[in-house]
Amino acid sequence: MKDPVYKLVELTGTSTDTIEDAVDKAIKRAHKSIPVVEAHLQHITAMKK
């Protein structure tokens, strides 16, 4: 079995409202260029509920 390879992506979001809004904006923007982010976004959204 091959060793797994991971890619580290640093995101920075901004918001004048809350830190949660900043994080959401950063993840949604990253999804436009990194489609796999959608799965993580769904997971994070589910954890907030």
N, C-alpha and C. Protein backbone atom coordinates (compact mmCIF):
# COMPACT_ATOMS: atom_id res chain seq x y z
N MET A 1 0.84 -1.18 0.00
CA MET A 1 0.00 0.00 0.00
C MET A 1 0.88 1.25 0.00
N LYS A 2 0.51 2.21 -0.80
CA LYS A 2 1.28 3.44 -0.88
C LYS A 2 0.99 4.33 0.33
N ASP A 3 1.99 5.10 0.68
CA ASP A 3 1.80 6.07 1.77
C ASP A 3 0.89 7.18 1.29
N PRO A 4 0.00 7.66 2.16
CA PRO A 4 -0.89 8.75 1.74
C PRO A 4 -0.13 10.06 1.56
N VAL A 5 -0.66 10.89 0.70
CA VAL A 5 -0.09 12.21 0.45
C VAL A 5 -1.18 13.23 0.75
N TYR A 6 -0.82 14.26 1.47
CA TYR A 6 -1.78 15.29 1.84
C TYR A 6 -1.33 16.64 1.31
N LYS A 7 -2.30 17.49 1.03
CA LYS A 7 -2.00 18.85 0.60
C LYS A 7 -2.52 19.78 1.69
N LEU A 8 -1.68 20.68 2.13
CA LEU A 8 -2.05 21.65 3.15
C LEU A 8 -2.41 22.96 2.47
N VAL A 9 -3.59 23.46 2.79
CA VAL A 9 -4.06 24.70 2.21
C VAL A 9 -4.38 25.65 3.35
N GLU A 10 -3.82 26.83 3.30
CA GLU A 10 -4.08 27.84 4.32
C GLU A 10 -5.13 28.81 3.78
N LEU A 11 -6.18 29.02 4.57
CA LEU A 11 -7.25 29.92 4.17
C LEU A 11 -7.34 31.07 5.15
N THR A 12 -7.63 32.24 4.62
CA THR A 12 -7.84 33.41 5.47
C THR A 12 -9.10 34.11 4.98
N GLY A 13 -10.07 34.24 5.87
CA GLY A 13 -11.30 34.92 5.54
C GLY A 13 -11.45 36.15 6.40
N THR A 14 -12.26 37.08 5.95
CA THR A 14 -12.51 38.29 6.74
C THR A 14 -14.01 38.53 6.86
N SER A 15 -14.39 39.16 7.95
CA SER A 15 -15.78 39.53 8.16
C SER A 15 -15.82 40.63 9.22
N THR A 16 -16.72 41.54 9.04
CA THR A 16 -16.91 42.59 10.05
C THR A 16 -17.90 42.12 11.12
N ASP A 17 -18.50 40.93 10.92
CA ASP A 17 -19.50 40.43 11.86
C ASP A 17 -18.91 39.45 12.87
N THR A 18 -18.61 38.24 12.43
CA THR A 18 -18.12 37.21 13.36
C THR A 18 -16.98 36.41 12.74
N ILE A 19 -16.26 35.72 13.59
CA ILE A 19 -15.19 34.83 13.11
C ILE A 19 -15.78 33.68 12.30
N GLU A 20 -16.96 33.23 12.69
CA GLU A 20 -17.62 32.15 11.96
C GLU A 20 -17.93 32.58 10.53
N ASP A 21 -18.38 33.82 10.37
CA ASP A 21 -18.64 34.34 9.02
C ASP A 21 -17.36 34.39 8.19
N ALA A 22 -16.26 34.77 8.82
CA ALA A 22 -14.97 34.83 8.13
C ALA A 22 -14.55 33.45 7.66
N VAL A 23 -14.70 32.46 8.52
CA VAL A 23 -14.34 31.09 8.17
C VAL A 23 -15.23 30.59 7.04
N ASP A 24 -16.54 30.82 7.15
CA ASP A 24 -17.46 30.39 6.10
C ASP A 24 -17.11 31.01 4.75
N LYS A 25 -16.81 32.29 4.75
CA LYS A 25 -16.44 32.97 3.50
C LYS A 25 -15.17 32.37 2.89
N ALA A 26 -14.19 32.09 3.72
CA ALA A 26 -12.93 31.53 3.23
C ALA A 26 -13.15 30.15 2.62
N ILE A 27 -13.94 29.33 3.29
CA ILE A 27 -14.20 27.97 2.78
C ILE A 27 -15.01 28.02 1.50
N LYS A 28 -16.02 28.86 1.46
CA LYS A 28 -16.84 28.96 0.24
C LYS A 28 -16.02 29.47 -0.94
N ARG A 29 -15.12 30.39 -0.70
CA ARG A 29 -14.26 30.91 -1.77
C ARG A 29 -13.27 29.84 -2.23
N ALA A 30 -12.73 29.08 -1.30
CA ALA A 30 -11.78 28.02 -1.65
C ALA A 30 -12.46 26.94 -2.49
N HIS A 31 -13.72 26.71 -2.23
CA HIS A 31 -14.45 25.68 -2.98
C HIS A 31 -14.47 25.97 -4.48
N LYS A 32 -14.38 27.22 -4.85
CA LYS A 32 -14.40 27.58 -6.27
C LYS A 32 -13.18 27.05 -7.02
N SER A 33 -12.06 26.92 -6.32
CA SER A 33 -10.85 26.43 -6.99
C SER A 33 -10.40 25.06 -6.49
N ILE A 34 -10.97 24.62 -5.37
CA ILE A 34 -10.62 23.31 -4.81
C ILE A 34 -11.92 22.57 -4.51
N PRO A 35 -12.48 21.84 -5.49
CA PRO A 35 -13.79 21.20 -5.32
C PRO A 35 -13.94 20.29 -4.11
N VAL A 36 -12.88 19.64 -3.68
CA VAL A 36 -12.98 18.72 -2.56
C VAL A 36 -13.36 19.45 -1.26
N VAL A 37 -13.22 20.74 -1.24
CA VAL A 37 -13.57 21.52 -0.06
C VAL A 37 -15.06 21.39 0.25
N GLU A 38 -15.89 21.12 -0.75
CA GLU A 38 -17.33 20.99 -0.54
C GLU A 38 -17.66 19.94 0.51
N ALA A 39 -16.99 18.81 0.48
CA ALA A 39 -17.25 17.75 1.46
C ALA A 39 -16.93 18.24 2.86
N HIS A 40 -15.85 18.96 3.01
CA HIS A 40 -15.47 19.49 4.31
C HIS A 40 -16.46 20.57 4.76
N LEU A 41 -16.92 21.37 3.82
CA LEU A 41 -17.89 22.42 4.13
C LEU A 41 -19.18 21.80 4.65
N GLN A 42 -19.64 20.74 4.03
CA GLN A 42 -20.85 20.06 4.48
C GLN A 42 -20.65 19.48 5.88
N HIS A 43 -19.48 18.93 6.13
CA HIS A 43 -19.18 18.36 7.44
C HIS A 43 -19.18 19.45 8.52
N ILE A 44 -18.55 20.56 8.25
CA ILE A 44 -18.48 21.67 9.20
C ILE A 44 -19.88 22.23 9.45
N THR A 45 -20.67 22.37 8.40
CA THR A 45 -22.03 22.90 8.54
C THR A 45 -22.87 21.97 9.43
N ALA A 46 -22.71 20.67 9.23
CA ALA A 46 -23.46 19.71 10.04
C ALA A 46 -23.04 19.78 11.51
N MET A 47 -21.74 20.04 11.76
CA MET A 47 -21.26 20.11 13.13
C MET A 47 -21.82 21.34 13.86
N LYS A 48 -22.11 22.40 13.14
CA LYS A 48 -22.63 23.63 13.75
C LYS A 48 -24.05 23.47 14.26
N LYS A 49 -24.80 22.52 13.69
CA LYS A 49 -26.21 22.36 14.05
C LYS A 49 -26.40 21.59 15.31
